[in-house]
Amino acid sequence: MNYLTKCLCILVVVPFFFTLGHSETPATCSVVQGLPGLNGRDGRDGAFGPKGDPGPTGNKGEKGEKGVGLPGGQGQKGEKGSPDVESIKKIMALESQIASLEKKWSWIKSVLLFHGVKEEVGGKVFVATARKENYAIAQNICKEVGGSLATPRNAEENSVLHGIISTKGVSSAALLDITDSQVEGTFTYSTGEKVIFTNWSTGQPDDYKNNEDCVNMYNNGFWNDVSCSSKHLVICEFQ
């Protein structure tokens, strides 16, 4: 029985007992079925209670022992890279060829500056000038143009040089880049090398009056020692 029904029954019973006191007829309580009540609204959530105290913190575990590892061994040293030997050889050969060509071109330009007789033999070129000078000046003339004073080092070169001198007249002679100014009787090239080929005239060298430390070639192809201050034909060589 719901709440509304109970209330209606009470309202009916109370008058009933009041009437019972005045009537002999038993009264009856008739129950009136009321209409179902409306659904009540959901109750609101209650207010949040205060935050509880944090629980006790657990004990921190003990720190584990540090592992002990053996140190690693030193690695093997890598092999040193080997240079490309063949490439190096090719580069060196190329550099040598370039240097040789540069030198050749240098003396070719120098040769072209002369307007005298030119003869080539064994990679060497003899060029006659129109000048007659002493040994020191003759050397400088040839050096300034990248050559040196003529010096035959074999019979073939001597023959070619002889041919050039013979075109300059019967009495012509040309200075050679040979002296014994350092040690009397020991003839050397201006580079200091000992002379390896000679073609002396009969009785030469004689160091006439102890004053003949230079050498010239007559138009017959033979050599003679002469004074370094005497003037003779200047012939330069290039190689």
C-alpha atoms as a PDB file:
ATOM      1  CA  MET A   1       0.000   0.000   0.000  1.00  0.00           C
ATOM      2  CA  ASN A   2       1.530   3.271  -0.973  1.00  0.00           C
ATOM      3  CA  TYR A   3       1.702   6.417   1.049  1.00  0.00           C
ATOM      4  CA  LEU A   4      -1.328   8.096  -0.561  1.00  0.00           C
ATOM      5  CA  THR A   5      -3.526   5.069   0.002  1.00  0.00           C
ATOM      6  CA  LYS A   6      -2.591   4.967   3.680  1.00  0.00           C
ATOM      7  CA  CYS A   7      -3.560   8.602   4.103  1.00  0.00           C
ATOM      8  CA  LEU A   8      -6.955   8.047   2.468  1.00  0.00           C
ATOM      9  CA  CYS A   9      -7.635   5.065   4.700  1.00  0.00           C
ATOM     10  CA  ILE A  10      -6.894   7.068   7.818  1.00  0.00           C
ATOM     11  CA  LEU A  11      -9.274   9.797   6.673  1.00  0.00           C
ATOM     12  CA  VAL A  12     -11.983   7.202   6.245  1.00  0.00           C
ATOM     13  CA  VAL A  13     -11.282   5.206   9.431  1.00  0.00           C
ATOM     14  CA  VAL A  14     -11.300   8.178  11.785  1.00  0.00           C
ATOM     15  CA  PRO A  15     -14.910   9.166  10.946  1.00  0.00           C
ATOM     16  CA  PHE A  16     -15.784   5.558  11.097  1.00  0.00           C
ATOM     17  CA  PHE A  17     -14.726   5.195  14.695  1.00  0.00           C
ATOM     18  CA  PHE A  18     -16.474   8.398  15.495  1.00  0.00           C
ATOM     19  CA  THR A  19     -19.710   7.064  14.000  1.00  0.00           C
ATOM     20  CA  LEU A  20     -19.193   3.666  15.629  1.00  0.00           C
ATOM     21  CA  GLY A  21     -19.761   5.218  18.948  1.00  0.00           C
ATOM     22  CA  HIS A  22     -23.254   6.179  17.844  1.00  0.00           C
ATOM     23  CA  SER A  23     -24.202   3.224  15.604  1.00  0.00           C
ATOM     24  CA  GLU A  24     -24.475  -0.437  16.196  1.00  0.00           C
ATOM     25  CA  THR A  25     -23.831  -1.389  12.656  1.00  0.00           C
ATOM     26  CA  PRO A  26     -20.227  -2.382  12.164  1.00  0.00           C
ATOM     27  CA  ALA A  27     -18.544  -0.026   9.889  1.00  0.00           C
ATOM     28  CA  THR A  28     -16.321  -1.131   7.097  1.00  0.00           C
ATOM     29  CA  CYS A  29     -13.292   0.637   5.656  1.00  0.00           C
ATOM     30  CA  SER A  30     -13.410   0.651   1.982  1.00  0.00           C
ATOM     31  CA  VAL A  31     -10.008   1.102   0.410  1.00  0.00           C
ATOM     32  CA  VAL A  32      -9.984   3.464  -2.489  1.00  0.00           C
ATOM     33  CA  GLN A  33      -7.232   2.762  -4.968  1.00  0.00           C
ATOM     34  CA  GLY A  34      -5.618   6.072  -5.753  1.00  0.00           C
ATOM     35  CA  LEU A  35      -3.738   7.080  -8.914  1.00  0.00           C
ATOM     36  CA  PRO A  36      -0.093   6.155  -9.047  1.00  0.00           C
ATOM     37  CA  GLY A  37       2.171   8.951  -8.003  1.00  0.00           C
ATOM     38  CA  LEU A  38       4.524  10.733 -10.344  1.00  0.00           C
ATOM     39  CA  ASN A  39       8.105   9.546 -10.523  1.00  0.00           C
ATOM     40  CA  GLY A  40      10.149  11.579  -8.149  1.00  0.00           C
ATOM     41  CA  ARG A  41      13.261  13.480  -9.341  1.00  0.00           C
ATOM     42  CA  ASP A  42      16.585  11.863  -8.866  1.00  0.00           C
ATOM     43  CA  GLY A  43      18.344  13.138  -5.855  1.00  0.00           C
ATOM     44  CA  ARG A  44      21.488  15.291  -6.381  1.00  0.00           C
ATOM     45  CA  ASP A  45      24.896  13.978  -5.563  1.00  0.00           C
ATOM     46  CA  GLY A  46      26.088  14.968  -2.227  1.00  0.00           C
ATOM     47  CA  ALA A  47      29.051  17.335  -1.749  1.00  0.00           C
ATOM     48  CA  PHE A  48      32.503  15.834  -2.080  1.00  0.00           C
ATOM     49  CA  GLY A  49      34.022  14.903   1.181  1.00  0.00           C
ATOM     50  CA  PRO A  50      37.489  16.136   2.242  1.00  0.00           C
ATOM     51  CA  LYS A  51      40.510  14.459   0.665  1.00  0.00           C
ATOM     52  CA  GLY A  52      41.829  11.727   2.823  1.00  0.00           C
ATOM     53  CA  ASP A  53      45.357  11.775   4.191  1.00  0.00           C
ATOM     54  CA  PRO A  54      47.940   9.988   2.013  1.00  0.00           C
ATOM     55  CA  GLY A  55      48.815   6.550   3.135  1.00  0.00           C
ATOM     56  CA  PRO A  56      52.236   5.793   4.573  1.00  0.00           C
ATOM     57  CA  THR A  57      55.130   5.651   2.056  1.00  0.00           C
ATOM     58  CA  GLY A  58      56.655   2.289   1.536  1.00  0.00           C
ATOM     59  CA  ASN A  59      60.291   1.707   2.372  1.00  0.00           C
ATOM     60  CA  LYS A  60      62.776   2.261  -0.521  1.00  0.00           C
ATOM     61  CA  GLY A  61      64.356  -0.878  -1.775  1.00  0.00           C
ATOM     62  CA  GLU A  62      68.069  -1.415  -1.341  1.00  0.00           C
ATOM     63  CA  LYS A  63      70.365  -0.405  -4.268  1.00  0.00           C
ATOM     64  CA  GLY A  64      71.621  -3.308  -6.269  1.00  0.00           C
ATOM     65  CA  GLU A  65      75.304  -4.036  -6.557  1.00  0.00           C
ATOM     66  CA  LYS A  66      77.167  -2.480  -9.510  1.00  0.00           C
ATOM     67  CA  GLY A  67      78.122  -4.984 -12.146  1.00  0.00           C
ATOM     68  CA  VAL A  68      81.832  -5.441 -12.731  1.00  0.00           C
ATOM     69  CA  GLY A  69      82.827  -5.903 -16.397  1.00  0.00           C
ATOM     70  CA  LEU A  70      86.272  -6.574 -17.822  1.00  0.00           C
ATOM     71  CA  PRO A  71      87.667  -3.677 -20.005  1.00  0.00           C
ATOM     72  CA  GLY A  72      87.726  -4.383 -23.700  1.00  0.00           C
ATOM     73  CA  GLY A  73      91.071  -4.971 -25.393  1.00  0.00           C
ATOM     74  CA  GLN A  74      92.627  -2.404 -27.782  1.00  0.00           C
ATOM     75  CA  GLY A  75      91.587  -2.900 -31.380  1.00  0.00           C
ATOM     76  CA  GLN A  76      94.144  -3.701 -34.052  1.00  0.00           C
ATOM     77  CA  LYS A  77      95.678  -0.767 -35.891  1.00  0.00           C
ATOM     78  CA  GLY A  78      94.350  -0.383 -39.405  1.00  0.00           C
ATOM     79  CA  GLU A  79      96.702  -0.878 -42.299  1.00  0.00           C
ATOM     80  CA  LYS A  80      98.140   2.224 -43.854  1.00  0.00           C
ATOM     81  CA  GLY A  81      96.746   2.884 -47.286  1.00  0.00           C
ATOM     82  CA  SER A  82      99.338   2.272 -49.975  1.00  0.00           C
ATOM     83  CA  PRO A  83      99.733   4.939 -52.656  1.00  0.00           C
ATOM     84  CA  ASP A  84      98.953   4.079 -56.219  1.00  0.00           C
ATOM     85  CA  VAL A  85     102.510   3.511 -57.388  1.00  0.00           C
ATOM     86  CA  GLU A  86     101.606   3.379 -61.050  1.00  0.00           C
ATOM     87  CA  SER A  87      99.751   6.686 -60.867  1.00  0.00           C
ATOM     88  CA  ILE A  88     102.717   8.321 -59.136  1.00  0.00           C
ATOM     89  CA  LYS A  89     105.078   7.023 -61.835  1.00  0.00           C
ATOM     90  CA  LYS A  90     102.819   8.363 -64.572  1.00  0.00           C
ATOM     91  CA  ILE A  91     102.598  11.774 -62.905  1.00  0.00           C
ATOM     92  CA  MET A  92     106.379  11.948 -62.465  1.00  0.00           C
ATOM     93  CA  ALA A  93     106.928  10.938 -66.094  1.00  0.00           C
ATOM     94  CA  LEU A  94     104.437  13.584 -67.247  1.00  0.00           C
ATOM     95  CA  GLU A  95     106.104  16.268 -65.138  1.00  0.00           C
ATOM     96  CA  SER A  96     109.486  15.289 -66.590  1.00  0.00           C
ATOM     97  CA  GLN A  97     108.121  15.541 -70.137  1.00  0.00           C
ATOM     98  CA  ILE A  98     106.605  18.952 -69.418  1.00  0.00           C
ATOM     99  CA  ALA A  99     109.896  20.210 -67.970  1.00  0.00           C
ATOM    100  CA  SER A 100     111.772  18.877 -70.996  1.00  0.00           C
ATOM    101  CA  LEU A 101     109.340  20.545 -73.405  1.00  0.00           C
ATOM    102  CA  GLU A 102     109.547  23.831 -71.525  1.00  0.00           C
ATOM    103  CA  LYS A 103     113.331  23.729 -71.686  1.00  0.00           C
ATOM    104  CA  LYS A 104     113.270  22.821 -75.384  1.00  0.00           C
ATOM    105  CA  TRP A 105     110.861  25.626 -76.163  1.00  0.00           C
ATOM    106  CA  SER A 106     113.039  28.047 -74.211  1.00  0.00           C
ATOM    107  CA  TRP A 107     116.133  27.341 -76.261  1.00  0.00           C
ATOM    108  CA  ILE A 108     114.149  27.212 -79.517  1.00  0.00           C
ATOM    109  CA  LYS A 109     113.037  30.779 -78.826  1.00  0.00           C
ATOM    110  CA  SER A 110     116.628  31.694 -78.064  1.00  0.00           C
ATOM    111  CA  VAL A 111     117.895  30.062 -81.254  1.00  0.00           C
ATOM    112  CA  LEU A 112     115.364  32.013 -83.299  1.00  0.00           C
ATOM    113  CA  LEU A 113     116.863  35.248 -81.981  1.00  0.00           C
ATOM    114  CA  PHE A 114     120.141  34.500 -83.767  1.00  0.00           C
ATOM    115  CA  HIS A 115     120.554  35.155 -87.470  1.00  0.00           C
ATOM    116  CA  GLY A 116     123.786  33.196 -87.905  1.00  0.00           C
ATOM    117  CA  VAL A 117     124.525  29.638 -88.987  1.00  0.00           C
ATOM    118  CA  LYS A 118     122.567  26.958 -87.129  1.00  0.00           C
ATOM    119  CA  GLU A 119     123.444  23.260 -87.002  1.00  0.00           C
ATOM    120  CA  GLU A 120     121.829  20.441 -85.010  1.00  0.00           C
ATOM    121  CA  VAL A 121     123.501  17.228 -83.878  1.00  0.00           C
ATOM    122  CA  GLY A 122     122.375  14.627 -81.313  1.00  0.00           C
ATOM    123  CA  GLY A 123     119.717  16.882 -79.786  1.00  0.00           C
ATOM    124  CA  LYS A 124     122.152  19.796 -79.515  1.00  0.00           C
ATOM    125  CA  VAL A 125     121.978  22.936 -81.648  1.00  0.00           C
ATOM    126  CA  PHE A 126     125.015  25.129 -82.383  1.00  0.00           C
ATOM    127  CA  VAL A 127     124.270  28.732 -83.329  1.00  0.00           C
ATOM    128  CA  ALA A 128     126.955  31.161 -84.479  1.00  0.00           C
ATOM    129  CA  THR A 129     126.695  34.855 -83.654  1.00  0.00           C
ATOM    130  CA  ALA A 130     128.261  37.693 -85.601  1.00  0.00           C
ATOM    131  CA  ARG A 131     130.282  38.770 -82.577  1.00  0.00           C
ATOM    132  CA  LYS A 132     133.860  38.231 -81.402  1.00  0.00           C
ATOM    133  CA  GLU A 133     134.384  38.543 -77.660  1.00  0.00           C
ATOM    134  CA  ASN A 134     136.674  37.342 -74.890  1.00  0.00           C
ATOM    135  CA  TYR A 135     135.837  34.255 -72.851  1.00  0.00           C
ATOM    136  CA  ALA A 136     133.914  35.967 -69.993  1.00  0.00           C
ATOM    137  CA  ILE A 137     131.732  38.082 -72.300  1.00  0.00           C
ATOM    138  CA  ALA A 138     131.127  35.166 -74.657  1.00  0.00           C
ATOM    139  CA  GLN A 139     129.877  33.066 -71.738  1.00  0.00           C
ATOM    140  CA  ASN A 140     127.431  35.775 -70.647  1.00  0.00           C
ATOM    141  CA  ILE A 141     126.068  36.242 -74.171  1.00  0.00           C
ATOM    142  CA  CYS A 142     125.112  32.575 -74.379  1.00  0.00           C
ATOM    143  CA  LYS A 143     123.754  32.363 -70.811  1.00  0.00           C
ATOM    144  CA  GLU A 144     121.495  35.368 -71.325  1.00  0.00           C
ATOM    145  CA  VAL A 145     119.632  33.529 -74.081  1.00  0.00           C
ATOM    146  CA  GLY A 146     119.398  30.247 -72.175  1.00  0.00           C
ATOM    147  CA  GLY A 147     122.363  28.454 -73.741  1.00  0.00           C
ATOM    148  CA  SER A 148     126.047  28.005 -73.060  1.00  0.00           C
ATOM    149  CA  LEU A 149     129.288  28.521 -74.924  1.00  0.00           C
ATOM    150  CA  ALA A 150     129.858  25.799 -77.535  1.00  0.00           C
ATOM    151  CA  THR A 151     131.528  22.634 -76.220  1.00  0.00           C
ATOM    152  CA  PRO A 152     131.952  19.563 -78.473  1.00  0.00           C
ATOM    153  CA  ARG A 153     131.857  16.374 -76.375  1.00  0.00           C
ATOM    154  CA  ASN A 154     132.464  13.890 -79.138  1.00  0.00           C
ATOM    155  CA  ALA A 155     133.912  13.696 -82.662  1.00  0.00           C
ATOM    156  CA  GLU A 156     130.516  14.213 -84.308  1.00  0.00           C
ATOM    157  CA  GLU A 157     129.818  17.445 -82.453  1.00  0.00           C
ATOM    158  CA  ASN A 158     133.378  18.584 -83.111  1.00  0.00           C
ATOM    159  CA  SER A 159     132.871  18.034 -86.837  1.00  0.00           C
ATOM    160  CA  VAL A 160     129.616  20.034 -86.911  1.00  0.00           C
ATOM    161  CA  LEU A 161     131.214  22.906 -84.998  1.00  0.00           C
ATOM    162  CA  HIS A 162     134.193  22.808 -87.363  1.00  0.00           C
ATOM    163  CA  GLY A 163     131.818  23.160 -90.309  1.00  0.00           C
ATOM    164  CA  ILE A 164     130.273  26.323 -88.830  1.00  0.00           C
ATOM    165  CA  ILE A 165     133.671  27.934 -88.172  1.00  0.00           C
ATOM    166  CA  SER A 166     134.906  27.150 -91.657  1.00  0.00           C
ATOM    167  CA  THR A 167     132.129  29.317 -93.134  1.00  0.00           C
ATOM    168  CA  LYS A 168     133.516  32.348 -91.299  1.00  0.00           C
ATOM    169  CA  GLY A 169     136.825  32.511 -93.085  1.00  0.00           C
ATOM    170  CA  VAL A 170     140.242  30.845 -93.080  1.00  0.00           C
ATOM    171  CA  SER A 171     141.547  32.777 -90.096  1.00  0.00           C
ATOM    172  CA  SER A 172     138.439  32.293 -87.973  1.00  0.00           C
ATOM    173  CA  ALA A 173     138.475  30.554 -84.610  1.00  0.00           C
ATOM    174  CA  ALA A 174     135.757  30.082 -81.983  1.00  0.00           C
ATOM    175  CA  LEU A 175     135.993  29.933 -78.213  1.00  0.00           C
ATOM    176  CA  LEU A 176     135.064  26.701 -76.412  1.00  0.00           C
ATOM    177  CA  ASP A 177     133.605  26.465 -72.913  1.00  0.00           C
ATOM    178  CA  ILE A 178     136.734  24.759 -71.588  1.00  0.00           C
ATOM    179  CA  THR A 179     139.513  26.103 -69.269  1.00  0.00           C
ATOM    180  CA  ASP A 180     142.290  24.985 -66.952  1.00  0.00           C
ATOM    181  CA  SER A 181     142.091  28.143 -64.830  1.00  0.00           C
ATOM    182  CA  GLN A 182     141.540  26.136 -61.646  1.00  0.00           C
ATOM    183  CA  VAL A 183     144.399  23.637 -62.011  1.00  0.00           C
ATOM    184  CA  GLU A 184     147.034  24.184 -64.683  1.00  0.00           C
ATOM    185  CA  GLY A 185     147.024  21.387 -67.201  1.00  0.00           C
ATOM    186  CA  THR A 186     143.669  19.962 -66.042  1.00  0.00           C
ATOM    187  CA  PHE A 187     140.995  21.142 -68.458  1.00  0.00           C
ATOM    188  CA  THR A 188     137.371  21.134 -67.352  1.00  0.00           C
ATOM    189  CA  TYR A 189     134.008  22.336 -68.609  1.00  0.00           C
ATOM    190  CA  SER A 190     132.508  25.410 -66.961  1.00  0.00           C
ATOM    191  CA  THR A 191     130.316  23.000 -64.950  1.00  0.00           C
ATOM    192  CA  GLY A 192     133.449  21.652 -63.252  1.00  0.00           C
ATOM    193  CA  GLU A 193     133.387  18.284 -65.056  1.00  0.00           C
ATOM    194  CA  LYS A 194     136.623  16.965 -66.451  1.00  0.00           C
ATOM    195  CA  VAL A 195     136.874  17.123 -70.229  1.00  0.00           C
ATOM    196  CA  ILE A 196     135.978  13.740 -71.780  1.00  0.00           C
ATOM    197  CA  PHE A 197     136.864  14.520 -75.427  1.00  0.00           C
ATOM    198  CA  THR A 198     139.730  16.554 -76.882  1.00  0.00           C
ATOM    199  CA  ASN A 199     141.059  17.356 -80.371  1.00  0.00           C
ATOM    200  CA  TRP A 200     144.303  19.253 -79.712  1.00  0.00           C
ATOM    201  CA  SER A 201     146.546  20.507 -82.463  1.00  0.00           C
ATOM    202  CA  THR A 202     150.091  19.128 -82.489  1.00  0.00           C
ATOM    203  CA  GLY A 203     152.120  20.506 -79.561  1.00  0.00           C
ATOM    204  CA  GLN A 204     149.047  21.872 -77.806  1.00  0.00           C
ATOM    205  CA  PRO A 205     148.213  22.834 -75.155  1.00  0.00           C
ATOM    206  CA  ASP A 206     151.510  24.637 -74.393  1.00  0.00           C
ATOM    207  CA  ASP A 207     150.398  27.419 -72.006  1.00  0.00           C
ATOM    208  CA  TYR A 208     152.420  29.965 -73.914  1.00  0.00           C
ATOM    209  CA  LYS A 209     153.990  32.554 -71.548  1.00  0.00           C
ATOM    210  CA  ASN A 210     152.019  30.924 -68.717  1.00  0.00           C
ATOM    211  CA  ASN A 211     148.982  32.869 -69.845  1.00  0.00           C
ATOM    212  CA  GLU A 212     146.812  30.462 -71.843  1.00  0.00           C
ATOM    213  CA  ASP A 213     143.978  29.081 -69.717  1.00  0.00           C
ATOM    214  CA  CYS A 214     141.169  29.106 -72.314  1.00  0.00           C
ATOM    215  CA  VAL A 215     140.583  27.053 -75.479  1.00  0.00           C
ATOM    216  CA  ASN A 216     139.508  27.815 -79.039  1.00  0.00           C
ATOM    217  CA  MET A 217     138.934  25.808 -82.221  1.00  0.00           C
ATOM    218  CA  TYR A 218     140.578  26.774 -85.477  1.00  0.00           C
ATOM    219  CA  ASN A 219     138.808  26.547 -88.817  1.00  0.00           C
ATOM    220  CA  ASN A 220     140.561  23.199 -89.360  1.00  0.00           C
ATOM    221  CA  GLY A 221     138.691  21.659 -86.409  1.00  0.00           C
ATOM    222  CA  PHE A 222     141.692  21.359 -84.050  1.00  0.00           C
ATOM    223  CA  TRP A 223     142.033  22.974 -80.626  1.00  0.00           C
ATOM    224  CA  ASN A 224     144.568  25.365 -79.128  1.00  0.00           C
ATOM    225  CA  ASP A 225     144.965  26.919 -75.689  1.00  0.00           C
ATOM    226  CA  VAL A 226     144.758  30.732 -75.752  1.00  0.00           C
ATOM    227  CA  SER A 227     144.581  33.696 -73.425  1.00  0.00           C
ATOM    228  CA  CYS A 228     141.099  34.166 -71.901  1.00  0.00           C
ATOM    229  CA  SER A 229     141.268  37.866 -72.748  1.00  0.00           C
ATOM    230  CA  SER A 230     141.735  37.258 -76.495  1.00  0.00           C
ATOM    231  CA  LYS A 231     138.648  37.774 -78.666  1.00  0.00           C
ATOM    232  CA  HIS A 232     137.228  35.035 -80.878  1.00  0.00           C
ATOM    233  CA  LEU A 233     133.993  34.037 -82.573  1.00  0.00           C
ATOM    234  CA  VAL A 234     131.091  33.390 -80.215  1.00  0.00           C
ATOM    235  CA  ILE A 235     129.111  30.196 -80.909  1.00  0.00           C
ATOM    236  CA  CYS A 236     126.399  29.132 -78.473  1.00  0.00           C
ATOM    237  CA  GLU A 237     124.871  25.711 -77.957  1.00  0.00           C
ATOM    238  CA  PHE A 238     121.379  24.734 -76.826  1.00  0.00           C
ATOM    239  CA  GLN A 239     120.121  21.330 -75.672  1.00  0.00           C
END
